[in-house]
Each structure stands twice: as structure tokens, then as C-alpha cells.
Amino acid sequence: MSGIDIISDTTGQAIVESIKALGTKLSEGRVIYGVHINGADSNPKTRVRYLADAVGMTPATMNFASGTFDYGSWANAFFMPKPCMLKTNGQVDYYLNENDLTKKIDGSASDIANIDYDGNAMMEWGNGTDIIWWKIEPDKGNPNSASLYVANYQADKEFKNLNFIDINGNEKSHFYTPIYNGSLDGNNKLRSISGQTVIKSKSASQEMTYARANGTGYEIEQYVDRLLINILLIIMGKSTDTQDVFGRGMSENASDENLLLKTGTMNGKGLFWGENAGKAGVKIFGMENYYGNQWRRTVGLILANGIVKIKLSPSTKDGSKATNYNTDGTGYIEIPNSTPSGTSGGYIKDMLYTALGMFPTSITGSSSTYYPDGCWFNIAIIAFALFGGPLHAGRPCGAFFVDLRNEAGNAGWNIGASVPIIHGIK
């Protein structure tokens, strides 16, 4: 009896269909990268397991000894953004040399340090063909464990593309994040320009006004973009310890505003760079000081008297009832069972995973276990989210570090905002 003969018709048809599906996937260049996070495993590396097309891939990591970044298998991933100079009307003027931002890709001088330039230095997400879809799937019966996915197509109805949705609910080909910490120009516009002193000591409302002064569709950083980037960091690094994989950032310095880094200190460092002494900043997906240096004020995440409220789009396509962002969470989506507990200023042990995000709930971890990032919270106020941590915060600084103990009106030299995330511009 041949090998073919012993396969039932049903089984044989299933194999044929699987081969057809694989052929379609490969011919269309469709990919799904995933990880599973085991909430019960305290080791940041072993708790993460590759899923789907990530299986067998080599994680990325910063080589602190050589000062170079090893992309592993991820150098040409579809989700990698490109640095560019973006005009305030939302049009890309030109792309930049990612290893030397002072140069255009043709080798001529760029405008990254030109404060009179009508636009900003930005990272462009979406490669022109593919946008990024993401999905969070909590384990049944255990929302502290979850599978996280990104794909270049909508693999099922649970995959979301909210980063690419404008204020009118329309899908766009790109979204943009700032290369630099925000700085304020002479026209009271929040900018992303090299060689500038970072904005400080402003309230959330002021920062949002300065960002929106650039034109229609501009805003300070959004939680939905932080969420996507953090998912990508876990996938690329196969770890929940971002400092160990990507670098410590400006985290081990004195509490001194004179030590704040000006913008542009990492113009020649590529898309990723870091060190492990906590003294010289970190670069993540082309963005300087994604954590460390200053808290980064972020719209779309509010802790209102202990209840997490979120908004994942300036439109209402995320299911919220508010158009655009506000400072108190009115019209935002409430996340059940989201009240953080434990030490009000400590390390994250448990994340509550839902289809709409990941939220620290148990602040009882340590500097080397679970998520070795901090969470500060106050359940007696309406807190406006700050992410990343300032230059004097130490080991808690990292991609997941979140401060939920500051009201929107609070200001200080260690709190800043980064210019415009752009939506709704052609």
C-alpha cells in the first residue's frame, strides 16, 4: 500500500488545503509574528515564546561591549519605520540616512537642525504597501498571560489597525512618530528638530495646544502608538526586559535639569542604540530617549480614581465616544478590573491583558523579574499618563514604565512631550 493510499480522503484534502494556504501566504508575502507571555514565569526571557512566523527567528539585542545593535532576524521586518523630514502639511519632503540623520539618503545635507524648516524630523510607519495590524489575545481564565501578534494584513477580525486611522475614521497608509524629544520654537509650536533644548515645565493642556499649533491632525504622543511599539519590542527582543535588550537610557543620573539631553545626541546611531550604564540615552525605532531623560506625556490613557480609561484613536472607531483626546477621560473606554495594587511606586509584576491593551495591575515585582519597569499610581485623582521615566529614576526606567500619579495640570522640568503624532493628513 502506498503512502498516498493510507491517507483518508478527508485528511488528504486537509493537507492539500494547507499547502494551498501556505502557497498563497508565501506568494502574497503575508506574515504574522507572535509571542506568548507566560505571566507565571518571572524570568523576562524564558516567559516569552515565539509564535506563528516568529518561530525559529533570532531575537535582536544591543551588544553593549561593541556598541553595535544586532538585529538578529529582524533587520528587514515589514514594520521597520523610515526617518524622514515631514512638512507640516503632512507630505514627506525627503527621507534621511538612518545612520547619519544630518544627511539625506542622496548624501546631501538635511534640515534636521533647521528650526526655520516648515516641518519636523519624523519616523514614517507603514512601508507604502503594508500597514501594521496588531492583536492581543489574553489566555482564557488568566488575563496576566497573553499572545501578542503583529501582521501585515488583517489575519482575522480581532486584528486592529488603529494606529493608521485618522480623526474621521479613515485608514491611512502611514503614521508618524517624532525622532526627537519635543522642543518649543518661537511660534509656540512643539517641534521635533535636532540641537534643541527640550520642552519642560508645561501642563498637558499647554503641550497639546503647542502640538496642535502645527496644523490639523497633530497631537502629542498617543497610547496606541506606545502600545504597538512595546508589542514590537517584546517580539523583536523576545523578552519583557527592554533595558537588558535595548539599553538603559538616561536613567542613572542626578536629579538635575541641567543634565537633560538636548535633541540630536544620537543622530549617528542608526535606528537602535543603547548602553548599559544609564548615562547616555537610548534610541528605539529611530526615536531618541523613548525612555529615560524625561517623562513623555501621552494622550489616550487616564487613571480616573483607580479606573483605567483609554482611547486608541482620535476617532471613535476604537469604540470610544469622544472625538479627539481630552485630559479627564470623558468618553473614553473603561477597562474592568484595571485598578493597580501593591506598592504605589514599585516594579511591575502583572499586566492585565485585554484586546485593547496591557495595563499594570500588580506592582509587586523587582528590578530583574517579570517586567523590570516601574509603575507609580494614585487612585485618588484623575491621572494623565507619563511614560518612560526621567534621567534620575534608575532601574525602573524602560518601555513599560508608567506614571499614573500626576494630574494633567502638573508640570516640572522632568516632564516633557514629544511632537506630533500625525493623523488625518493626506
Protein backbone atom coordinates (compact mmCIF):
# COMPACT_ATOMS: atom_id res chain seq x y z
CA MET A 1 0.00 0.00 0.00
CA SER A 2 1.46 3.38 -0.96
CA GLY A 3 1.83 6.32 1.39
CA ILE A 4 -0.89 8.10 -0.50
CA ASP A 5 -3.29 5.17 -0.11
CA ILE A 6 -3.18 5.18 3.68
CA ILE A 7 -4.28 8.82 3.95
CA SER A 8 -8.03 9.25 4.17
CA ASP A 9 -9.83 11.49 1.69
CA THR A 10 -10.60 13.97 4.48
CA THR A 11 -7.02 14.08 5.72
CA GLY A 12 -5.67 14.33 2.19
CA GLN A 13 -7.97 17.23 1.39
CA ALA A 14 -6.87 19.00 4.58
CA ILE A 15 -3.23 18.62 3.58
CA VAL A 16 -3.95 19.95 0.09
CA GLU A 17 -5.79 22.94 1.52
CA SER A 18 -2.94 23.64 3.97
CA ILE A 19 -0.42 23.55 1.14
CA LYS A 20 -2.59 25.89 -0.92
CA ALA A 21 -2.93 28.29 2.02
CA LEU A 22 0.82 28.25 2.60
CA GLY A 23 1.46 28.89 -1.08
CA THR A 24 -0.97 31.83 -1.07
CA LYS A 25 0.64 33.24 2.04
CA LEU A 26 4.15 32.99 0.62
CA SER A 27 3.15 34.39 -2.79
CA GLU A 28 1.42 37.35 -1.22
CA GLY A 29 4.19 37.97 1.32
CA ARG A 30 1.78 37.67 4.22
CA VAL A 31 3.34 37.26 7.66
CA ILE A 32 2.18 37.03 11.27
CA TYR A 33 4.73 37.42 14.05
CA GLY A 34 3.71 36.46 17.55
CA VAL A 35 4.82 35.80 21.10
CA HIS A 36 3.19 34.20 24.09
CA ILE A 37 3.91 35.69 27.51
CA ASN A 38 3.61 33.31 30.44
CA GLY A 39 2.55 35.52 33.33
CA ALA A 40 3.56 32.89 35.89
CA ASP A 41 7.20 32.80 34.76
CA SER A 42 9.23 35.54 36.46
CA ASN A 43 12.22 35.30 34.09
CA PRO A 44 11.85 38.09 31.48
CA LYS A 45 13.41 35.94 28.75
CA THR A 46 12.05 32.45 29.34
CA ARG A 47 8.50 33.76 29.85
CA VAL A 48 8.37 34.82 26.18
CA ARG A 49 7.88 32.16 23.50
CA TYR A 50 7.77 32.77 19.74
CA LEU A 51 4.57 32.00 17.83
CA ALA A 52 3.47 31.84 14.17
CA ASP A 53 6.10 33.10 11.70
CA ALA A 54 8.39 34.23 14.51
CA VAL A 55 9.15 30.60 15.42
CA GLY A 56 12.81 29.89 14.73
CA MET A 57 13.78 33.54 14.39
CA THR A 58 16.75 35.04 16.25
CA PRO A 59 15.93 37.83 18.75
CA ALA A 60 17.50 41.27 18.42
CA THR A 61 19.82 42.68 21.08
CA MET A 62 22.21 45.51 21.77
CA ASN A 63 25.85 44.43 22.00
CA PHE A 64 26.98 46.70 24.81
CA ALA A 65 30.62 45.62 24.51
CA SER A 66 30.96 46.63 20.84
CA GLY A 67 28.37 49.41 20.90
CA THR A 68 26.51 47.90 17.95
CA PHE A 69 22.97 46.66 17.55
CA ASP A 70 22.38 43.09 16.40
CA TYR A 71 19.05 42.85 14.57
CA GLY A 72 19.02 39.07 14.68
CA SER A 73 16.35 38.02 12.16
CA TRP A 74 14.52 41.35 12.25
CA ALA A 75 16.56 43.75 10.08
CA ASN A 76 14.15 43.62 7.15
CA ALA A 77 10.87 43.16 9.02
CA PHE A 78 7.92 44.76 7.28
CA PHE A 79 7.19 47.01 10.26
CA MET A 80 10.53 48.86 10.34
CA PRO A 81 9.94 52.63 10.06
CA LYS A 82 11.97 55.11 7.97
CA PRO A 83 13.33 58.51 9.11
CA CYS A 84 12.15 61.47 7.08
CA MET A 85 11.57 65.20 7.07
CA LEU A 86 7.83 65.74 7.06
CA LYS A 87 6.31 69.07 6.03
CA THR A 88 3.60 70.46 8.30
CA ASN A 89 1.07 69.75 5.54
CA GLY A 90 1.75 66.04 6.06
CA GLN A 91 3.81 65.47 2.91
CA VAL A 92 7.18 63.72 3.11
CA ASP A 93 9.79 66.16 1.84
CA TYR A 94 12.59 63.59 1.71
CA TYR A 95 13.99 60.58 3.54
CA LEU A 96 17.05 60.61 5.78
CA ASN A 97 20.14 58.41 6.04
CA GLU A 98 19.23 56.35 9.10
CA ASN A 99 22.90 56.06 10.12
CA ASP A 100 23.59 59.78 9.75
CA LEU A 101 20.49 61.95 10.06
CA THR A 102 22.45 65.06 9.09
CA LYS A 103 22.31 63.65 5.55
CA LYS A 104 19.51 62.94 3.12
CA ILE A 105 19.58 59.49 1.54
CA ASP A 106 21.26 61.08 -1.51
CA GLY A 107 24.13 62.29 0.70
CA SER A 108 23.29 66.00 0.67
CA ALA A 109 22.74 67.97 3.88
CA SER A 110 19.41 67.59 5.68
CA ASP A 111 17.30 70.07 7.65
CA ILE A 112 17.16 68.15 10.93
CA ALA A 113 18.69 71.12 12.81
CA ASN A 114 16.93 73.88 10.85
CA ILE A 115 14.47 75.47 13.28
CA ASP A 116 13.01 77.52 10.39
CA TYR A 117 12.14 74.40 8.41
CA ASP A 118 8.40 74.08 7.79
CA GLY A 119 8.09 70.62 9.29
CA ASN A 120 9.67 68.08 11.60
CA ALA A 121 12.04 65.12 11.74
CA MET A 122 9.83 62.04 11.99
CA MET A 123 9.73 58.26 11.69
CA GLU A 124 7.37 57.04 8.99
CA TRP A 125 5.47 53.81 9.80
CA GLY A 126 3.90 51.76 7.05
CA ASN A 127 6.07 50.76 4.09
CA GLY A 128 3.68 52.01 1.42
CA THR A 129 2.37 48.51 0.73
CA ASP A 130 1.74 47.10 4.20
CA ILE A 131 0.29 48.70 7.28
CA ILE A 132 0.69 47.12 10.72
CA TRP A 133 -2.14 45.12 12.24
CA TRP A 134 -1.94 44.01 15.88
CA LYS A 135 -3.83 41.68 18.15
CA ILE A 136 -3.75 40.92 21.88
CA GLU A 137 -5.28 37.59 22.90
CA PRO A 138 -5.41 37.02 26.68
CA ASP A 139 -5.24 33.44 27.89
CA LYS A 140 -8.62 32.03 28.82
CA GLY A 141 -9.03 32.29 32.57
CA ASN A 142 -5.71 34.08 33.05
CA PRO A 143 -5.54 37.68 31.77
CA ASN A 144 -1.97 38.04 33.08
CA SER A 145 -0.79 35.78 30.25
CA ALA A 146 -1.40 36.53 26.59
CA SER A 147 -0.42 36.04 22.98
CA LEU A 148 0.63 39.20 21.11
CA TYR A 149 0.66 39.37 17.32
CA VAL A 150 1.55 41.78 14.53
CA ALA A 151 0.80 41.14 10.86
CA ASN A 152 0.94 42.91 7.53
CA TYR A 153 -2.69 42.02 6.81
CA GLN A 154 -5.88 41.55 8.81
CA ALA A 155 -5.41 37.88 9.63
CA ASP A 156 -8.75 37.73 11.48
CA LYS A 157 -11.39 40.17 12.66
CA GLU A 158 -9.63 40.70 16.01
CA PHE A 159 -6.59 42.32 14.39
CA LYS A 160 -6.63 46.12 14.70
CA ASN A 161 -5.09 48.86 12.56
CA LEU A 162 -5.98 51.79 14.84
CA ASN A 163 -2.56 53.44 14.54
CA PHE A 164 -3.39 54.13 10.90
CA ILE A 165 -6.90 55.56 11.50
CA ASP A 166 -7.45 59.32 11.24
CA ILE A 167 -9.85 61.51 13.22
CA ASN A 168 -12.58 60.83 10.66
CA GLY A 169 -12.21 57.06 10.92
CA ASN A 170 -10.39 56.67 7.60
CA GLU A 171 -7.45 54.33 7.09
CA LYS A 172 -4.16 56.00 6.09
CA SER A 173 -1.04 54.48 4.58
CA HIS A 174 1.27 55.88 7.25
CA PHE A 175 1.51 57.30 10.72
CA TYR A 176 4.45 59.25 12.12
CA THR A 177 6.29 59.38 15.43
CA PRO A 178 8.86 62.03 16.44
CA ILE A 179 12.57 61.33 16.17
CA TYR A 180 13.35 63.82 18.94
CA ASN A 181 12.01 64.84 22.32
CA GLY A 182 9.77 67.85 21.83
CA SER A 183 11.11 71.40 21.82
CA LEU A 184 9.24 74.69 21.69
CA ASP A 185 10.01 77.16 18.89
CA GLY A 186 9.47 80.92 18.80
CA ASN A 187 5.97 80.47 17.40
CA ASN A 188 4.84 78.27 20.31
CA LYS A 189 4.85 75.13 18.20
CA LEU A 190 6.02 71.81 19.59
CA ARG A 191 8.77 70.60 17.27
CA SER A 192 10.96 67.58 16.51
CA ILE A 193 14.22 69.26 15.50
CA SER A 194 17.86 68.42 16.31
CA GLY A 195 20.07 70.55 18.57
CA GLN A 196 17.23 71.96 20.70
CA THR A 197 16.56 72.25 24.43
CA VAL A 198 13.65 70.00 25.36
CA ILE A 199 10.31 71.44 26.44
CA LYS A 200 9.72 71.35 30.19
CA SER A 201 7.52 72.70 32.99
CA LYS A 202 4.32 72.83 30.93
CA SER A 203 0.89 71.31 31.63
CA ALA A 204 -0.75 68.68 29.45
CA SER A 205 -3.18 71.23 28.03
CA GLN A 206 -0.33 73.55 27.08
CA GLU A 207 1.63 70.75 25.42
CA MET A 208 -1.42 69.61 23.44
CA THR A 209 -2.03 73.19 22.31
CA TYR A 210 1.61 73.57 21.20
CA ALA A 211 1.40 70.30 19.25
CA ARG A 212 -1.87 71.21 17.56
CA ALA A 213 -0.37 74.57 16.53
CA ASN A 214 1.44 72.66 13.77
CA GLY A 215 -1.88 72.18 11.98
CA THR A 216 -4.79 69.80 11.53
CA GLY A 217 -4.12 66.26 12.68
CA TYR A 218 -1.22 66.95 15.05
CA GLU A 219 -1.12 65.74 18.65
CA ILE A 220 1.33 64.74 21.35
CA GLU A 221 2.21 61.08 21.62
CA GLN A 222 -0.63 58.56 21.79
CA TYR A 223 -1.00 55.49 23.98
CA VAL A 224 -1.98 53.42 20.93
CA ASP A 225 1.41 54.06 19.36
CA ARG A 226 3.26 53.32 22.60
CA LEU A 227 1.25 50.08 22.79
CA LEU A 228 2.18 48.97 19.27
CA ILE A 229 5.86 49.87 19.73
CA ASN A 230 6.00 47.95 23.02
CA ILE A 231 4.46 44.89 21.38
CA LEU A 232 7.12 45.11 18.66
CA LEU A 233 9.89 45.44 21.26
CA ILE A 234 8.74 42.28 23.04
CA ILE A 235 8.59 40.41 19.74
CA MET A 236 11.97 41.63 18.48
CA GLY A 237 13.79 41.13 21.79
CA LYS A 238 11.88 38.03 22.95
CA SER A 239 11.92 39.49 26.46
CA THR A 240 9.93 41.73 28.78
CA ASP A 241 13.14 43.44 29.98
CA THR A 242 13.62 46.22 27.44
CA GLN A 243 16.60 47.74 29.26
CA ASP A 244 18.51 44.46 29.08
CA VAL A 245 17.83 44.11 25.35
CA PHE A 246 17.95 47.70 24.09
CA GLY A 247 19.79 49.74 26.74
CA ARG A 248 19.29 51.61 29.99
CA GLY A 249 18.67 55.12 28.63
CA MET A 250 19.42 58.24 30.69
CA SER A 251 18.38 56.61 33.95
CA GLU A 252 21.33 56.72 36.37
CA ASN A 253 21.94 60.45 36.69
CA ALA A 254 21.42 63.06 39.37
CA SER A 255 18.10 64.88 39.68
CA ASP A 256 19.41 67.91 37.79
CA GLU A 257 17.63 69.58 34.87
CA ASN A 258 20.99 70.75 33.53
CA LEU A 259 21.73 67.12 32.66
CA LEU A 260 18.74 66.79 30.30
CA LEU A 261 19.99 65.77 26.87
CA LYS A 262 19.44 68.19 24.04
CA THR A 263 17.92 66.70 20.92
CA GLY A 264 20.21 65.10 18.36
CA THR A 265 22.80 63.38 20.56
CA MET A 266 22.20 60.09 18.71
CA ASN A 267 21.99 61.32 15.10
CA GLY A 268 24.64 58.82 14.01
CA LYS A 269 23.41 55.79 15.96
CA GLY A 270 21.04 54.13 13.48
CA LEU A 271 17.51 53.04 14.37
CA PHE A 272 18.53 51.31 17.61
CA TRP A 273 21.26 52.11 20.08
CA GLY A 274 21.83 51.93 23.82
CA GLU A 275 24.34 51.38 26.61
CA ASN A 276 24.08 49.66 29.96
CA ALA A 277 25.42 52.34 32.31
CA GLY A 278 22.33 54.56 32.21
CA LYS A 279 24.26 57.68 31.24
CA ALA A 280 23.90 58.29 27.51
CA GLY A 281 20.34 57.79 26.28
CA VAL A 282 18.65 55.12 24.18
CA LYS A 283 17.29 55.00 20.64
CA ILE A 284 14.28 52.86 19.76
CA PHE A 285 12.92 52.57 16.19
CA GLY A 286 14.78 55.78 15.36
CA MET A 287 13.28 57.69 18.31
CA GLU A 288 15.66 59.28 20.80
CA ASN A 289 15.06 58.76 24.52
CA TYR A 290 12.00 56.56 24.16
CA TYR A 291 12.58 56.08 27.88
CA GLY A 292 14.85 57.97 30.25
CA ASN A 293 15.78 61.68 30.01
CA GLN A 294 12.19 62.94 30.58
CA TRP A 295 8.74 61.56 31.24
CA ARG A 296 6.88 61.57 27.90
CA ARG A 297 3.33 62.88 28.34
CA THR A 298 0.96 60.58 26.44
CA VAL A 299 -2.67 61.06 25.43
CA GLY A 300 -5.17 58.21 25.44
CA LEU A 301 -4.53 56.69 28.90
CA ILE A 302 -6.15 58.04 32.07
CA LEU A 303 -6.36 56.54 35.59
CA ALA A 304 -9.57 58.09 36.89
CA ASN A 305 -9.96 57.37 40.61
CA GLY A 306 -8.45 53.92 40.13
CA ILE A 307 -10.22 53.03 36.86
CA VAL A 308 -8.15 52.83 33.67
CA LYS A 309 -9.76 54.70 30.78
CA ILE A 310 -8.32 54.54 27.29
CA LYS A 311 -8.73 55.93 23.81
CA LEU A 312 -6.94 54.20 20.93
CA SER A 313 -7.73 56.62 18.12
CA PRO A 314 -8.56 60.31 17.70
CA SER A 315 -11.72 58.99 16.00
CA THR A 316 -14.47 56.91 17.60
CA LYS A 317 -13.58 53.84 15.54
CA ASP A 318 -11.94 52.33 18.63
CA GLY A 319 -15.34 52.16 20.33
CA SER A 320 -14.88 55.30 22.41
CA LYS A 321 -17.44 58.12 22.46
CA ALA A 322 -15.01 61.05 22.41
CA THR A 323 -13.74 62.67 19.23
CA ASN A 324 -10.10 63.62 19.74
CA TYR A 325 -8.33 63.48 23.11
CA ASN A 326 -9.06 65.24 26.39
CA THR A 327 -7.45 65.49 29.82
CA ASP A 328 -10.04 63.75 32.04
CA GLY A 329 -11.08 60.63 30.11
CA THR A 330 -14.60 61.77 29.24
CA GLY A 331 -15.97 59.44 26.56
CA TYR A 332 -13.03 57.04 26.91
CA ILE A 333 -13.37 53.24 27.23
CA GLU A 334 -13.29 51.91 30.81
CA ILE A 335 -11.17 48.81 31.42
CA PRO A 336 -12.75 46.47 34.02
CA ASN A 337 -10.59 45.08 36.85
CA SER A 338 -7.80 47.52 35.99
CA THR A 339 -7.11 49.16 39.36
CA PRO A 340 -3.40 48.81 40.17
CA SER A 341 -2.41 47.38 43.55
CA GLY A 342 0.72 46.87 45.61
CA THR A 343 3.41 49.46 46.19
CA SER A 344 2.34 52.78 44.65
CA GLY A 345 5.88 53.26 43.42
CA GLY A 346 7.44 49.93 42.50
CA TYR A 347 8.13 47.36 39.81
CA ILE A 348 5.51 45.73 37.60
CA LYS A 349 4.74 42.07 38.27
CA ASP A 350 1.42 41.53 36.49
CA MET A 351 -0.06 43.09 33.39
CA LEU A 352 -3.77 42.89 32.74
CA TYR A 353 -4.06 41.93 29.08
CA THR A 354 -7.20 42.80 27.17
CA ALA A 355 -7.94 43.11 23.46
CA LEU A 356 -7.36 46.86 23.89
CA GLY A 357 -4.01 46.96 25.66
CA MET A 358 -1.76 45.93 28.52
CA PHE A 359 -2.14 47.58 31.91
CA PRO A 360 0.00 47.15 35.06
CA THR A 361 -2.14 45.83 37.90
CA SER A 362 0.22 44.21 40.42
CA ILE A 363 3.12 46.46 41.38
CA THR A 364 4.98 43.88 43.42
CA GLY A 365 7.84 42.87 41.11
CA SER A 366 11.56 43.56 41.15
CA SER A 367 14.36 45.05 39.07
CA SER A 368 15.17 41.66 37.49
CA THR A 369 11.85 39.82 37.25
CA TYR A 370 8.59 39.91 35.26
CA TYR A 371 8.56 43.43 33.74
CA PRO A 372 11.58 45.15 35.35
CA ASP A 373 9.98 48.57 34.82
CA GLY A 374 8.25 50.83 37.30
CA CYS A 375 4.69 51.96 37.84
CA TRP A 376 3.69 54.87 40.07
CA PHE A 377 -0.01 55.40 40.70
CA ASN A 378 -2.54 57.35 42.74
CA ILE A 379 -6.11 56.04 42.74
CA ALA A 380 -7.50 59.16 44.44
CA ILE A 381 -7.04 61.50 41.44
CA ILE A 382 -7.59 61.73 37.70
CA ALA A 383 -4.08 60.92 36.47
CA PHE A 384 -2.76 61.66 32.97
CA ALA A 385 -0.23 59.08 31.76
CA LEU A 386 3.50 59.73 31.63
CA PHE A 387 5.77 57.07 30.10
CA GLY A 388 9.43 56.10 30.05
CA GLY A 389 10.83 57.78 33.15
CA PRO A 390 13.24 60.67 33.78
CA LEU A 391 17.04 60.70 33.89
CA HIS A 392 17.17 60.21 37.68
CA ALA A 393 14.67 57.32 38.04
CA GLY A 394 17.21 54.49 37.92
CA ARG A 395 16.37 50.88 37.11
CA PRO A 396 12.57 51.37 36.79
CA CYS A 397 13.14 53.30 33.53
CA GLY A 398 12.03 51.32 30.49
CA ALA A 399 9.47 50.99 27.74
CA PHE A 400 6.68 49.94 30.14
CA PHE A 401 7.48 52.45 32.91
CA VAL A 402 4.31 54.46 33.51
CA ASP A 403 3.44 57.23 35.95
CA LEU A 404 -0.26 57.40 36.84
CA ARG A 405 0.05 59.75 39.81
CA ASN A 406 0.16 63.14 38.04
CA GLU A 407 -2.85 65.21 37.11
CA ALA A 408 -2.95 66.88 33.71
CA GLY A 409 -2.10 70.26 35.23
CA ASN A 410 1.09 69.06 36.90
CA ALA A 411 4.33 70.33 35.40
CA GLY A 412 8.03 70.01 36.07
CA TRP A 413 11.40 70.06 34.35
CA ASN A 414 11.43 66.24 34.21
CA ILE A 415 8.12 66.10 32.30
CA GLY A 416 8.03 66.78 28.57
CA ALA A 417 6.06 65.91 25.45
CA SER A 418 7.08 64.87 22.00
CA VAL A 419 5.74 66.45 18.91
CA PRO A 420 3.13 65.46 16.82
CA ILE A 421 1.78 62.16 16.05
CA ILE A 422 0.05 62.81 12.76
CA HIS A 423 -3.35 61.55 11.71
CA GLY A 424 -5.91 62.84 9.28
CA ILE A 425 -3.36 64.36 6.89
CA LYS A 426 -3.12 63.05 3.37
